[in-house]
PDB file of all heavy atoms in Angstrom:
ATOM      1  N   GLU A   1      -9.568 -15.978 -18.979  1.00  0.00           N
ATOM      2  CA  GLU A   1      -9.228 -14.543 -19.046  1.00  0.00           C
ATOM      3  C   GLU A   1     -10.457 -13.685 -19.286  1.00  0.00           C
ATOM      4  O   GLU A   1     -10.642 -12.658 -18.649  1.00  0.00           O
ATOM      5  CB  GLU A   1      -8.202 -14.291 -20.156  1.00  0.00           C
ATOM      6  CG  GLU A   1      -6.801 -14.700 -19.796  1.00  0.00           C
ATOM      7  CD  GLU A   1      -6.081 -13.697 -18.903  1.00  0.00           C
ATOM      8  OE1 GLU A   1      -6.586 -12.578 -18.676  1.00  0.00           O
ATOM      9  OE2 GLU A   1      -5.007 -14.037 -18.427  1.00  0.00           O
ATOM     10  N   SER A   2     -11.329 -14.109 -20.213  1.00  0.00           N
ATOM     11  CA  SER A   2     -12.530 -13.308 -20.510  1.00  0.00           C
ATOM     12  C   SER A   2     -13.522 -13.333 -19.352  1.00  0.00           C
ATOM     13  O   SER A   2     -14.188 -12.339 -19.080  1.00  0.00           O
ATOM     14  CB  SER A   2     -13.182 -13.756 -21.810  1.00  0.00           C
ATOM     15  OG  SER A   2     -13.737 -15.048 -21.686  1.00  0.00           O
ATOM     16  N   LEU A   3     -13.612 -14.472 -18.657  1.00  0.00           N
ATOM     17  CA  LEU A   3     -14.505 -14.542 -17.496  1.00  0.00           C
ATOM     18  C   LEU A   3     -14.044 -13.625 -16.375  1.00  0.00           C
ATOM     19  O   LEU A   3     -14.863 -12.938 -15.745  1.00  0.00           O
ATOM     20  CB  LEU A   3     -14.594 -15.991 -16.991  1.00  0.00           C
ATOM     21  CG  LEU A   3     -15.303 -16.980 -17.909  1.00  0.00           C
ATOM     22  CD1 LEU A   3     -15.167 -18.392 -17.351  1.00  0.00           C
ATOM     23  CD2 LEU A   3     -16.753 -16.599 -18.116  1.00  0.00           C
ATOM     24  N   VAL A   4     -12.746 -13.584 -16.135  1.00  0.00           N
ATOM     25  CA  VAL A   4     -12.210 -12.707 -15.084  1.00  0.00           C
ATOM     26  C   VAL A   4     -12.307 -11.241 -15.508  1.00  0.00           C
ATOM     27  O   VAL A   4     -12.630 -10.377 -14.696  1.00  0.00           O
ATOM     28  CB  VAL A   4     -10.753 -13.090 -14.740  1.00  0.00           C
ATOM     29  CG1 VAL A   4     -10.117 -12.087 -13.804  1.00  0.00           C
ATOM     30  CG2 VAL A   4     -10.716 -14.477 -14.116  1.00  0.00           C
ATOM     31  N   ALA A   5     -12.093 -10.959 -16.776  1.00  0.00           N
ATOM     32  CA  ALA A   5     -12.123  -9.584 -17.280  1.00  0.00           C
ATOM     33  C   ALA A   5     -13.509  -8.955 -17.118  1.00  0.00           C
ATOM     34  O   ALA A   5     -13.604  -7.734 -16.953  1.00  0.00           O
ATOM     35  CB  ALA A   5     -11.709  -9.549 -18.739  1.00  0.00           C
ATOM     36  N   ARG A   6     -14.563  -9.747 -17.109  1.00  0.00           N
ATOM     37  CA  ARG A   6     -15.899  -9.160 -16.966  1.00  0.00           C
ATOM     38  C   ARG A   6     -16.258  -8.829 -15.525  1.00  0.00           C
ATOM     39  O   ARG A   6     -17.273  -8.187 -15.254  1.00  0.00           O
ATOM     40  CB  ARG A   6     -16.965 -10.043 -17.625  1.00  0.00           C
ATOM     41  CG  ARG A   6     -17.251 -11.355 -16.962  1.00  0.00           C
ATOM     42  CD  ARG A   6     -18.277 -12.181 -17.741  1.00  0.00           C
ATOM     43  NE  ARG A   6     -19.629 -11.724 -17.567  1.00  0.00           N
ATOM     44  CZ  ARG A   6     -20.527 -12.284 -16.746  1.00  0.00           C
ATOM     45  NH1 ARG A   6     -20.186 -13.334 -16.011  1.00  0.00           N
ATOM     46  NH2 ARG A   6     -21.741 -11.811 -16.651  1.00  0.00           N
ATOM     47  N   VAL A   7     -15.447  -9.255 -14.560  1.00  0.00           N
ATOM     48  CA  VAL A   7     -15.671  -8.934 -13.157  1.00  0.00           C
ATOM     49  C   VAL A   7     -15.076  -7.553 -12.883  1.00  0.00           C
ATOM     50  O   VAL A   7     -13.875  -7.363 -13.044  1.00  0.00           O
ATOM     51  CB  VAL A   7     -15.035  -9.984 -12.212  1.00  0.00           C
ATOM     52  CG1 VAL A   7     -15.243  -9.602 -10.754  1.00  0.00           C
ATOM     53  CG2 VAL A   7     -15.584 -11.377 -12.510  1.00  0.00           C
ATOM     54  N   PRO A   8     -15.899  -6.588 -12.461  1.00  0.00           N
ATOM     55  CA  PRO A   8     -15.343  -5.260 -12.182  1.00  0.00           C
ATOM     56  C   PRO A   8     -14.452  -5.256 -10.943  1.00  0.00           C
ATOM     57  O   PRO A   8     -14.647  -6.050 -10.028  1.00  0.00           O
ATOM     58  CB  PRO A   8     -16.575  -4.378 -11.966  1.00  0.00           C
ATOM     59  CG  PRO A   8     -17.743  -5.289 -11.856  1.00  0.00           C
ATOM     60  CD  PRO A   8     -17.330  -6.671 -12.269  1.00  0.00           C
ATOM     61  N   GLU A   9     -13.488  -4.379 -10.940  1.00  0.00           N
ATOM     62  CA  GLU A   9     -12.605  -4.193  -9.781  1.00  0.00           C
ATOM     63  C   GLU A   9     -13.451  -3.679  -8.615  1.00  0.00           C
ATOM     64  O   GLU A   9     -14.363  -2.891  -8.793  1.00  0.00           O
ATOM     65  CB  GLU A   9     -11.496  -3.207 -10.133  1.00  0.00           C
ATOM     66  CG  GLU A   9     -10.389  -3.119  -9.116  1.00  0.00           C
ATOM     67  CD  GLU A   9      -9.464  -4.330  -9.106  1.00  0.00           C
ATOM     68  OE1 GLU A   9      -9.351  -5.034 -10.130  1.00  0.00           O
ATOM     69  OE2 GLU A   9      -8.851  -4.567  -8.046  1.00  0.00           O
ATOM     70  N   GLY A  10     -13.142  -4.137  -7.408  1.00  0.00           N
ATOM     71  CA  GLY A  10     -13.871  -3.699  -6.220  1.00  0.00           C
ATOM     72  C   GLY A  10     -15.074  -4.579  -5.951  1.00  0.00           C
ATOM     73  O   GLY A  10     -15.140  -5.724  -6.389  1.00  0.00           O
ATOM     74  N   TRP A  11     -16.050  -4.022  -5.208  1.00  0.00           N
ATOM     75  CA  TRP A  11     -17.236  -4.775  -4.779  1.00  0.00           C
ATOM     76  C   TRP A  11     -18.415  -4.442  -5.676  1.00  0.00           C
ATOM     77  O   TRP A  11     -18.639  -3.279  -6.020  1.00  0.00           O
ATOM     78  CB  TRP A  11     -17.570  -4.414  -3.335  1.00  0.00           C
ATOM     79  CG  TRP A  11     -18.637  -5.274  -2.735  1.00  0.00           C
ATOM     80  CD1 TRP A  11     -18.450  -6.441  -2.049  1.00  0.00           C
ATOM     81  CD2 TRP A  11     -20.054  -5.049  -2.744  1.00  0.00           C
ATOM     82  NE1 TRP A  11     -19.647  -6.955  -1.639  1.00  0.00           N
ATOM     83  CE2 TRP A  11     -20.660  -6.110  -2.043  1.00  0.00           C
ATOM     84  CE3 TRP A  11     -20.867  -4.047  -3.277  1.00  0.00           C
ATOM     85  CZ2 TRP A  11     -22.039  -6.215  -1.861  1.00  0.00           C
ATOM     86  CZ3 TRP A  11     -22.236  -4.149  -3.101  1.00  0.00           C
ATOM     87  CH2 TRP A  11     -22.810  -5.215  -2.393  1.00  0.00           C
ATOM     88  N   THR A  12     -19.192  -5.482  -6.044  1.00  0.00           N
ATOM     89  CA  THR A  12     -20.357  -5.324  -6.902  1.00  0.00           C
ATOM     90  C   THR A  12     -21.462  -6.267  -6.423  1.00  0.00           C
ATOM     91  O   THR A  12     -21.178  -7.428  -6.111  1.00  0.00           O
ATOM     92  CB  THR A  12     -20.011  -5.684  -8.362  1.00  0.00           C
ATOM     93  OG1 THR A  12     -18.902  -4.918  -8.780  1.00  0.00           O
ATOM     94  CG2 THR A  12     -21.185  -5.436  -9.295  1.00  0.00           C
ATOM     95  N   ALA A  13     -22.694  -5.785  -6.391  1.00  0.00           N
ATOM     96  CA  ALA A  13     -23.839  -6.655  -6.089  1.00  0.00           C
ATOM     97  C   ALA A  13     -24.241  -7.354  -7.372  1.00  0.00           C
ATOM     98  O   ALA A  13     -24.409  -6.710  -8.418  1.00  0.00           O
ATOM     99  CB  ALA A  13     -25.001  -5.837  -5.534  1.00  0.00           C
ATOM    100  N   VAL A  14     -24.363  -8.681  -7.298  1.00  0.00           N
ATOM    101  CA  VAL A  14     -24.698  -9.477  -8.475  1.00  0.00           C
ATOM    102  C   VAL A  14     -25.762 -10.519  -8.122  1.00  0.00           C
ATOM    103  O   VAL A  14     -26.063 -10.744  -6.947  1.00  0.00           O
ATOM    104  CB  VAL A  14     -23.450 -10.189  -9.071  1.00  0.00           C
ATOM    105  CG1 VAL A  14     -22.368  -9.180  -9.418  1.00  0.00           C
ATOM    106  CG2 VAL A  14     -22.906 -11.257  -8.140  1.00  0.00           C
ATOM    107  N   SER A  15     -26.282 -11.145  -9.153  1.00  0.00           N
ATOM    108  CA  SER A  15     -27.229 -12.232  -9.012  1.00  0.00           C
ATOM    109  C   SER A  15     -26.616 -13.487  -9.626  1.00  0.00           C
ATOM    110  O   SER A  15     -25.992 -13.421 -10.694  1.00  0.00           O
ATOM    111  CB  SER A  15     -28.534 -11.878  -9.728  1.00  0.00           C
ATOM    112  OG  SER A  15     -29.415 -12.959  -9.717  1.00  0.00           O
ATOM    113  N   TYR A  16     -26.819 -14.602  -8.955  1.00  0.00           N
ATOM    114  CA  TYR A  16     -26.359 -15.885  -9.483  1.00  0.00           C
ATOM    115  C   TYR A  16     -27.321 -16.965  -9.003  1.00  0.00           C
ATOM    116  O   TYR A  16     -27.586 -17.058  -7.792  1.00  0.00           O
ATOM    117  CB  TYR A  16     -24.924 -16.186  -9.018  1.00  0.00           C
ATOM    118  CG  TYR A  16     -24.465 -17.574  -9.383  1.00  0.00           C
ATOM    119  CD1 TYR A  16     -24.182 -17.899 -10.694  1.00  0.00           C
ATOM    120  CD2 TYR A  16     -24.368 -18.559  -8.423  1.00  0.00           C
ATOM    121  CE1 TYR A  16     -23.783 -19.187 -11.044  1.00  0.00           C
ATOM    122  CE2 TYR A  16     -23.967 -19.839  -8.749  1.00  0.00           C
ATOM    123  CZ  TYR A  16     -23.673 -20.154 -10.059  1.00  0.00           C
ATOM    124  OH  TYR A  16     -23.294 -21.404 -10.413  1.00  0.00           O
ATOM    125  N   ALA A  17     -27.838 -17.745  -9.908  1.00  0.00           N
ATOM    126  CA  ALA A  17     -28.743 -18.851  -9.583  1.00  0.00           C
ATOM    127  C   ALA A  17     -29.918 -18.379  -8.728  1.00  0.00           C
ATOM    128  O   ALA A  17     -30.320 -19.052  -7.788  1.00  0.00           O
ATOM    129  CB  ALA A  17     -27.981 -19.983  -8.912  1.00  0.00           C
ATOM    130  N   GLY A  18     -30.414 -17.187  -9.034  1.00  0.00           N
ATOM    131  CA  GLY A  18     -31.563 -16.639  -8.318  1.00  0.00           C
ATOM    132  C   GLY A  18     -31.266 -16.078  -6.944  1.00  0.00           C
ATOM    133  O   GLY A  18     -32.197 -15.747  -6.195  1.00  0.00           O
ATOM    134  N   ARG A  19     -29.989 -15.962  -6.595  1.00  0.00           N
ATOM    135  CA  ARG A  19     -29.604 -15.438  -5.274  1.00  0.00           C
ATOM    136  C   ARG A  19     -28.715 -14.210  -5.448  1.00  0.00           C
ATOM    137  O   ARG A  19     -28.024 -14.073  -6.439  1.00  0.00           O
ATOM    138  CB  ARG A  19     -28.875 -16.523  -4.480  1.00  0.00           C
ATOM    139  CG  ARG A  19     -29.751 -17.706  -4.165  1.00  0.00           C
ATOM    140  CD  ARG A  19     -29.002 -18.714  -3.323  1.00  0.00           C
ATOM    141  NE  ARG A  19     -29.877 -19.732  -2.829  1.00  0.00           N
ATOM    142  CZ  ARG A  19     -30.045 -20.915  -3.392  1.00  0.00           C
ATOM    143  NH1 ARG A  19     -29.390 -21.222  -4.498  1.00  0.00           N
ATOM    144  NH2 ARG A  19     -30.861 -21.799  -2.872  1.00  0.00           N
ATOM    145  N   ARG A  20     -28.714 -13.355  -4.434  1.00  0.00           N
ATOM    146  CA  ARG A  20     -27.889 -12.153  -4.459  1.00  0.00           C
ATOM    147  C   ARG A  20     -26.539 -12.435  -3.822  1.00  0.00           C
ATOM    148  O   ARG A  20     -26.457 -13.096  -2.784  1.00  0.00           O
ATOM    149  CB  ARG A  20     -28.571 -11.020  -3.692  1.00  0.00           C
ATOM    150  CG  ARG A  20     -29.811 -10.489  -4.378  1.00  0.00           C
ATOM    151  CD  ARG A  20     -30.565  -9.492  -3.503  1.00  0.00           C
ATOM    152  NE  ARG A  20     -29.708  -8.507  -2.872  1.00  0.00           N
ATOM    153  CZ  ARG A  20     -29.527  -7.268  -3.335  1.00  0.00           C
ATOM    154  NH1 ARG A  20     -30.138  -6.864  -4.410  1.00  0.00           N
ATOM    155  NH2 ARG A  20     -28.737  -6.418  -2.699  1.00  0.00           N
ATOM    156  N   TYR A  21     -25.490 -11.938  -4.452  1.00  0.00           N
ATOM    157  CA  TYR A  21     -24.120 -12.098  -3.972  1.00  0.00           C
ATOM    158  C   TYR A  21     -23.419 -10.754  -3.969  1.00  0.00           C
ATOM    159  O   TYR A  21     -23.709  -9.888  -4.788  1.00  0.00           O
ATOM    160  CB  TYR A  21     -23.313 -13.028  -4.889  1.00  0.00           C
ATOM    161  CG  TYR A  21     -23.576 -14.494  -4.687  1.00  0.00           C
ATOM    162  CD1 TYR A  21     -24.708 -15.103  -5.201  1.00  0.00           C
ATOM    163  CD2 TYR A  21     -22.651 -15.301  -3.998  1.00  0.00           C
ATOM    164  CE1 TYR A  21     -24.947 -16.454  -5.029  1.00  0.00           C
ATOM    165  CE2 TYR A  21     -22.883 -16.649  -3.836  1.00  0.00           C
ATOM    166  CZ  TYR A  21     -24.031 -17.222  -4.352  1.00  0.00           C
ATOM    167  OH  TYR A  21     -24.251 -18.555  -4.175  1.00  0.00           O
ATOM    168  N   GLY A  22     -22.461 -10.597  -3.070  1.00  0.00           N
ATOM    169  CA  GLY A  22     -21.501  -9.509  -3.133  1.00  0.00           C
ATOM    170  C   GLY A  22     -20.240 -10.080  -3.758  1.00  0.00           C
ATOM    171  O   GLY A  22     -19.647 -11.025  -3.233  1.00  0.00           O
ATOM    172  N   LEU A  23     -19.862  -9.542  -4.923  1.00  0.00           N
ATOM    173  CA  LEU A  23     -18.715 -10.052  -5.688  1.00  0.00           C
ATOM    174  C   LEU A  23     -17.576  -9.042  -5.590  1.00  0.00           C
ATOM    175  O   LEU A  23     -17.764  -7.863  -5.882  1.00  0.00           O
ATOM    176  CB  LEU A  23     -19.134 -10.246  -7.141  1.00  0.00           C
ATOM    177  CG  LEU A  23     -18.052 -10.637  -8.158  1.00  0.00           C
ATOM    178  CD1 LEU A  23     -17.351 -11.920  -7.771  1.00  0.00           C
ATOM    179  CD2 LEU A  23     -18.682 -10.742  -9.546  1.00  0.00           C
ATOM    180  N   THR A  24     -16.411  -9.500  -5.181  1.00  0.00           N
ATOM    181  CA  THR A  24     -15.251  -8.649  -5.029  1.00  0.00           C
ATOM    182  C   THR A  24     -14.111  -9.143  -5.899  1.00  0.00           C
ATOM    183  O   THR A  24     -13.800 -10.335  -5.895  1.00  0.00           O
ATOM    184  CB  THR A  24     -14.769  -8.602  -3.562  1.00  0.00           C
ATOM    185  OG1 THR A  24     -15.847  -8.153  -2.731  1.00  0.00           O
ATOM    186  CG2 THR A  24     -13.589  -7.662  -3.388  1.00  0.00           C
ATOM    187  N   ARG A  25     -13.508  -8.201  -6.632  1.00  0.00           N
ATOM    188  CA  ARG A  25     -12.308  -8.505  -7.420  1.00  0.00           C
ATOM    189  C   ARG A  25     -11.198  -7.570  -6.945  1.00  0.00           C
ATOM    190  O   ARG A  25     -11.384  -6.369  -6.830  1.00  0.00           O
ATOM    191  CB  ARG A  25     -12.562  -8.266  -8.898  1.00  0.00           C
ATOM    192  CG  ARG A  25     -11.281  -8.377  -9.713  1.00  0.00           C
ATOM    193  CD  ARG A  25     -11.491  -7.924 -11.125  1.00  0.00           C
ATOM    194  NE  ARG A  25     -10.194  -7.730 -11.779  1.00  0.00           N
ATOM    195  CZ  ARG A  25     -10.004  -7.899 -13.069  1.00  0.00           C
ATOM    196  NH1 ARG A  25     -10.989  -8.234 -13.857  1.00  0.00           N
ATOM    197  NH2 ARG A  25      -8.809  -7.698 -13.588  1.00  0.00           N
ATOM    198  N   LYS A  26     -10.038  -8.158  -6.683  1.00  0.00           N
ATOM    199  CA  LYS A  26      -8.842  -7.384  -6.318  1.00  0.00           C
ATOM    200  C   LYS A  26      -7.720  -7.821  -7.241  1.00  0.00           C
ATOM    201  O   LYS A  26      -7.404  -9.010  -7.347  1.00  0.00           O
ATOM    202  CB  LYS A  26      -8.442  -7.621  -4.864  1.00  0.00           C
ATOM    203  CG  LYS A  26      -9.413  -7.067  -3.865  1.00  0.00           C
ATOM    204  CD  LYS A  26      -8.924  -7.292  -2.464  1.00  0.00           C
ATOM    205  CE  LYS A  26      -9.967  -6.811  -1.468  1.00  0.00           C
ATOM    206  NZ  LYS A  26      -9.577  -7.123  -0.087  1.00  0.00           N
ATOM    207  N   THR A  27      -7.102  -6.858  -7.906  1.00  0.00           N
ATOM    208  CA  THR A  27      -5.992  -7.142  -8.797  1.00  0.00           C
ATOM    209  C   THR A  27      -4.691  -6.852  -8.057  1.00  0.00           C
ATOM    210  O   THR A  27      -4.572  -5.822  -7.392  1.00  0.00           O
ATOM    211  CB  THR A  27      -6.092  -6.279 -10.072  1.00  0.00           C
ATOM    212  OG1 THR A  27      -7.361  -6.562 -10.697  1.00  0.00           O
ATOM    213  CG2 THR A  27      -4.971  -6.586 -11.047  1.00  0.00           C
ATOM    214  N   HIS A  28      -3.731  -7.763  -8.168  1.00  0.00           N
ATOM    215  CA  HIS A  28      -2.462  -7.666  -7.447  1.00  0.00           C
ATOM    216  C   HIS A  28      -1.287  -7.729  -8.422  1.00  0.00           C
ATOM    217  O   HIS A  28      -1.424  -8.173  -9.548  1.00  0.00           O
ATOM    218  CB  HIS A  28      -2.322  -8.829  -6.459  1.00  0.00           C
ATOM    219  CG  HIS A  28      -3.497  -9.010  -5.556  1.00  0.00           C
ATOM    220  ND1 HIS A  28      -3.684  -8.294  -4.414  1.00  0.00           N
ATOM    221  CD2 HIS A  28      -4.567  -9.844  -5.655  1.00  0.00           C
ATOM    222  CE1 HIS A  28      -4.805  -8.673  -3.831  1.00  0.00           C
ATOM    223  NE2 HIS A  28      -5.361  -9.611  -4.563  1.00  0.00           N
ATOM    224  N   THR A  29      -0.132  -7.345  -7.920  1.00  0.00           N
ATOM    225  CA  THR A  29       1.158  -7.460  -8.626  1.00  0.00           C
ATOM    226  C   THR A  29       1.087  -7.030 -10.090  1.00  0.00           C
ATOM    227  O   THR A  29       1.346  -7.820 -10.999  1.00  0.00           O
ATOM    228  CB  THR A  29       1.756  -8.885  -8.515  1.00  0.00           C
ATOM    229  OG1 THR A  29       0.829  -9.835  -9.029  1.00  0.00           O
ATOM    230  CG2 THR A  29       2.113  -9.235  -7.088  1.00  0.00           C
ATOM    231  N   ASP A  30       0.691  -5.787 -10.279  1.00  0.00           N
ATOM    232  CA  ASP A  30       0.622  -5.204 -11.624  1.00  0.00           C
ATOM    233  C   ASP A  30      -0.215  -6.032 -12.589  1.00  0.00           C
ATOM    234  O   ASP A  30       0.112  -6.153 -13.765  1.00  0.00           O
ATOM    235  CB  ASP A  30       2.023  -5.001 -12.196  1.00  0.00           C
ATOM    236  CG  ASP A  30       2.860  -4.030 -11.381  1.00  0.00           C
ATOM    237  OD1 ASP A  30       2.286  -3.053 -10.852  1.00  0.00           O
ATOM    238  OD2 ASP A  30       4.075  -4.242 -11.269  1.00  0.00           O
ATOM    239  N   GLY A  31      -1.297  -6.610 -12.084  1.00  0.00           N
ATOM    240  CA  GLY A  31      -2.209  -7.365 -12.941  1.00  0.00           C
ATOM    241  C   GLY A  31      -1.841  -8.816 -13.147  1.00  0.00           C
ATOM    242  O   GLY A  31      -2.540  -9.528 -13.865  1.00  0.00           O
ATOM    243  N   ARG A  32      -0.775  -9.272 -12.526  1.00  0.00           N
ATOM    244  CA  ARG A  32      -0.357 -10.661 -12.727  1.00  0.00           C
ATOM    245  C   ARG A  32      -1.199 -11.662 -11.939  1.00  0.00           C
ATOM    246  O   ARG A  32      -1.170 -12.858 -12.227  1.00  0.00           O
ATOM    247  CB  ARG A  32       1.112 -10.836 -12.415  1.00  0.00           C
ATOM    248  CG  ARG A  32       1.999 -10.120 -13.433  1.00  0.00           C
ATOM    249  CD  ARG A  32       3.425 -10.345 -13.122  1.00  0.00           C
ATOM    250  NE  ARG A  32       3.715  -9.867 -11.770  1.00  0.00           N
ATOM    251  CZ  ARG A  32       4.823  -9.246 -11.406  1.00  0.00           C
ATOM    252  NH1 ARG A  32       5.772  -9.061 -12.268  1.00  0.00           N
ATOM    253  NH2 ARG A  32       4.980  -8.827 -10.178  1.00  0.00           N
ATOM    254  N   SER A  33      -1.933 -11.184 -10.950  1.00  0.00           N
ATOM    255  CA  SER A  33      -2.850 -12.070 -10.218  1.00  0.00           C
ATOM    256  C   SER A  33      -4.113 -11.310  -9.844  1.00  0.00           C
ATOM    257  O   SER A  33      -4.099 -10.096  -9.672  1.00  0.00           O
ATOM    258  CB  SER A  33      -2.186 -12.665  -8.974  1.00  0.00           C
ATOM    259  OG  SER A  33      -1.982 -11.681  -8.003  1.00  0.00           O
ATOM    260  N   VAL A  34      -5.201 -12.064  -9.769  1.00  0.00           N
ATOM    261  CA  VAL A  34      -6.511 -11.496  -9.443  1.00  0.00           C
ATOM    262  C   VAL A  34      -7.161 -12.411  -8.413  1.00  0.00           C
ATOM    263  O   VAL A  34      -7.169 -13.649  -8.577  1.00  0.00           O
ATOM    264  CB  VAL A  34      -7.404 -11.404 -10.697  1.00  0.00           C
ATOM    265  CG1 VAL A  34      -8.809 -10.947 -10.340  1.00  0.00           C
ATOM    266  CG2 VAL A  34      -6.781 -10.486 -11.730  1.00  0.00           C
ATOM    267  N   SER A  35      -7.703 -11.811  -7.371  1.00  0.00           N
ATOM    268  CA  SER A  35      -8.508 -12.556  -6.397  1.00  0.00           C
ATOM    269  C   SER A  35      -9.974 -12.264  -6.667  1.00  0.00           C
ATOM    270  O   SER A  35     -10.355 -11.122  -6.870  1.00  0.00           O
ATOM    271  CB  SER A  35      -8.182 -12.101  -4.967  1.00  0.00           C
ATOM    272  OG  SER A  35      -6.851 -12.344  -4.662  1.00  0.00           O
ATOM    273  N   VAL A  36     -10.779 -13.317  -6.665  1.00  0.00           N
ATOM    274  CA  VAL A  36     -12.223 -13.194  -6.846  1.00  0.00           C
ATOM    275  C   VAL A  36     -12.887 -13.856  -5.646  1.00  0.00           C
ATOM    276  O   VAL A  36     -12.571 -15.000  -5.314  1.00  0.00           O
ATOM    277  CB  VAL A  36     -12.688 -13.868  -8.150  1.00  0.00           C
ATOM    278  CG1 VAL A  36     -14.195 -13.820  -8.279  1.00  0.00           C
ATOM    279  CG2 VAL A  36     -12.001 -13.250  -9.358  1.00  0.00           C
ATOM    280  N   PHE A  37     -13.800 -13.100  -4.995  1.00  0.00           N
ATOM    281  CA  PHE A  37     -14.510 -13.636  -3.838  1.00  0.00           C
ATOM    282  C   PHE A  37     -15.955 -13.201  -3.932  1.00  0.00           C
ATOM    283  O   PHE A  37     -16.240 -12.019  -4.126  1.00  0.00           O
ATOM    284  CB  PHE A  37     -13.895 -13.114  -2.534  1.00  0.00           C
ATOM    285  CG  PHE A  37     -14.588 -13.622  -1.305  1.00  0.00           C
ATOM    286  CD1 PHE A  37     -14.342 -14.902  -0.841  1.00  0.00           C
ATOM    287  CD2 PHE A  37     -15.481 -12.822  -0.612  1.00  0.00           C
ATOM    288  CE1 PHE A  37     -14.995 -15.381   0.291  1.00  0.00           C
ATOM    289  CE2 PHE A  37     -16.134 -13.292   0.522  1.00  0.00           C
ATOM    290  CZ  PHE A  37     -15.874 -14.575   0.975  1.00  0.00           C
ATOM    291  N   ALA A  38     -16.867 -14.158  -3.836  1.00  0.00           N
ATOM    292  CA  ALA A  38     -18.299 -13.869  -3.848  1.00  0.00           C
ATOM    293  C   ALA A  38     -18.933 -14.495  -2.626  1.00  0.00           C
ATOM    294  O   ALA A  38     -18.667 -15.661  -2.312  1.00  0.00           O
ATOM    295  CB  ALA A  38     -18.933 -14.390  -5.121  1.00  0.00           C
ATOM    296  N   GLU A  39     -19.773 -13.712  -1.964  1.00  0.00           N
ATOM    297  CA  GLU A  39     -20.460 -14.191  -0.772  1.00  0.00           C
ATOM    298  C   GLU A  39     -21.954 -13.958  -0.940  1.00  0.00           C
ATOM    299  O   GLU A  39     -22.378 -12.841  -1.249  1.00  0.00           O
ATOM    300  CB  GLU A  39     -19.935 -13.449   0.452  1.00  0.00           C
ATOM    301  CG  GLU A  39     -20.502 -13.921   1.748  1.00  0.00           C
ATOM    302  CD  GLU A  39     -19.812 -13.278   2.945  1.00  0.00           C
ATOM    303  OE1 GLU A  39     -19.237 -12.183   2.804  1.00  0.00           O
ATOM    304  OE2 GLU A  39     -19.860 -13.871   4.020  1.00  0.00           O
ATOM    305  N   GLU A  40     -22.731 -15.023  -0.759  1.00  0.00           N
ATOM    306  CA  GLU A  40     -24.183 -14.898  -0.856  1.00  0.00           C
ATOM    307  C   GLU A  40     -24.670 -13.966   0.251  1.00  0.00           C
ATOM    308  O   GLU A  40     -24.334 -14.138   1.424  1.00  0.00           O
ATOM    309  CB  GLU A  40     -24.827 -16.270  -0.733  1.00  0.00           C
ATOM    310  CG  GLU A  40     -26.328 -16.239  -0.917  1.00  0.00           C
ATOM    311  CD  GLU A  40     -26.957 -17.616  -0.787  1.00  0.00           C
ATOM    312  OE1 GLU A  40     -26.230 -18.631  -0.689  1.00  0.00           O
ATOM    313  OE2 GLU A  40     -28.197 -17.666  -0.777  1.00  0.00           O
ATOM    314  N   LEU A  41     -25.459 -12.967  -0.129  1.00  0.00           N
ATOM    315  CA  LEU A  41     -25.975 -12.003   0.843  1.00  0.00           C
ATOM    316  C   LEU A  41     -27.155 -12.634   1.558  1.00  0.00           C
ATOM    317  O   LEU A  41     -28.179 -12.933   0.968  1.00  0.00           O
ATOM    318  CB  LEU A  41     -26.369 -10.705   0.127  1.00  0.00           C
ATOM    319  CG  LEU A  41     -25.253 -10.036  -0.662  1.00  0.00           C
ATOM    320  CD1 LEU A  41     -25.785  -8.822  -1.426  1.00  0.00           C
ATOM    321  CD2 LEU A  41     -24.098  -9.648   0.246  1.00  0.00           C
ATOM    322  N   GLY A  42     -27.001 -12.865   2.862  1.00  0.00           N
ATOM    323  CA  GLY A  42     -28.045 -13.493   3.644  1.00  0.00           C
ATOM    324  C   GLY A  42     -28.102 -15.000   3.515  1.00  0.00           C
ATOM    325  O   GLY A  42     -29.091 -15.615   3.863  1.00  0.00           O
ATOM    326  N   GLY A  43     -27.043 -15.599   2.999  1.00  0.00           N
ATOM    327  CA  GLY A  43     -27.023 -17.053   2.813  1.00  0.00           C
ATOM    328  C   GLY A  43     -25.624 -17.612   2.967  1.00  0.00           C
ATOM    329  O   GLY A  43     -24.666 -16.861   3.182  1.00  0.00           O
ATOM    330  N   PRO A  44     -25.483 -18.909   2.817  1.00  0.00           N
ATOM    331  CA  PRO A  44     -24.198 -19.571   3.069  1.00  0.00           C
ATOM    332  C   PRO A  44     -23.257 -19.686   1.868  1.00  0.00           C
ATOM    333  O   PRO A  44     -22.128 -20.130   2.010  1.00  0.00           O
ATOM    334  CB  PRO A  44     -24.621 -20.967   3.514  1.00  0.00           C
ATOM    335  CG  PRO A  44     -25.873 -21.226   2.732  1.00  0.00           C
ATOM    336  CD  PRO A  44     -26.561 -19.879   2.643  1.00  0.00           C
ATOM    337  N   GLY A  45     -23.711 -19.295   0.669  1.00  0.00           N
ATOM    338  CA  GLY A  45     -22.907 -19.527  -0.529  1.00  0.00           C
ATOM    339  C   GLY A  45     -21.648 -18.679  -0.576  1.00  0.00           C
ATOM    340  O   GLY A  45     -21.664 -17.490  -0.260  1.00  0.00           O
ATOM    341  N   VAL A  46     -20.550 -19.316  -0.990  1.00  0.00           N
ATOM    342  CA  VAL A  46     -19.252 -18.636  -1.146  1.00  0.00           C
ATOM    343  C   VAL A  46     -18.562 -19.194  -2.383  1.00  0.00           C
ATOM    344  O   VAL A  46     -18.618 -20.406  -2.641  1.00  0.00           O
ATOM    345  CB  VAL A  46     -18.349 -18.854   0.082  1.00  0.00           C
ATOM    346  CG1 VAL A  46     -16.957 -18.315  -0.149  1.00  0.00           C
ATOM    347  CG2 VAL A  46     -18.950 -18.221   1.323  1.00  0.00           C
TER     348      VAL A  46
END
């Protein structure tokens, strides 16, 4: 819960393991579910 809570809603540029990612959080069904998707910018990481 705390790990998901620190992800902002919408799209955010982040760094992970020395690489840049686009991190997206979408909250659904009145907060009962959350989708998290991160894609390495210019790389294969997902």
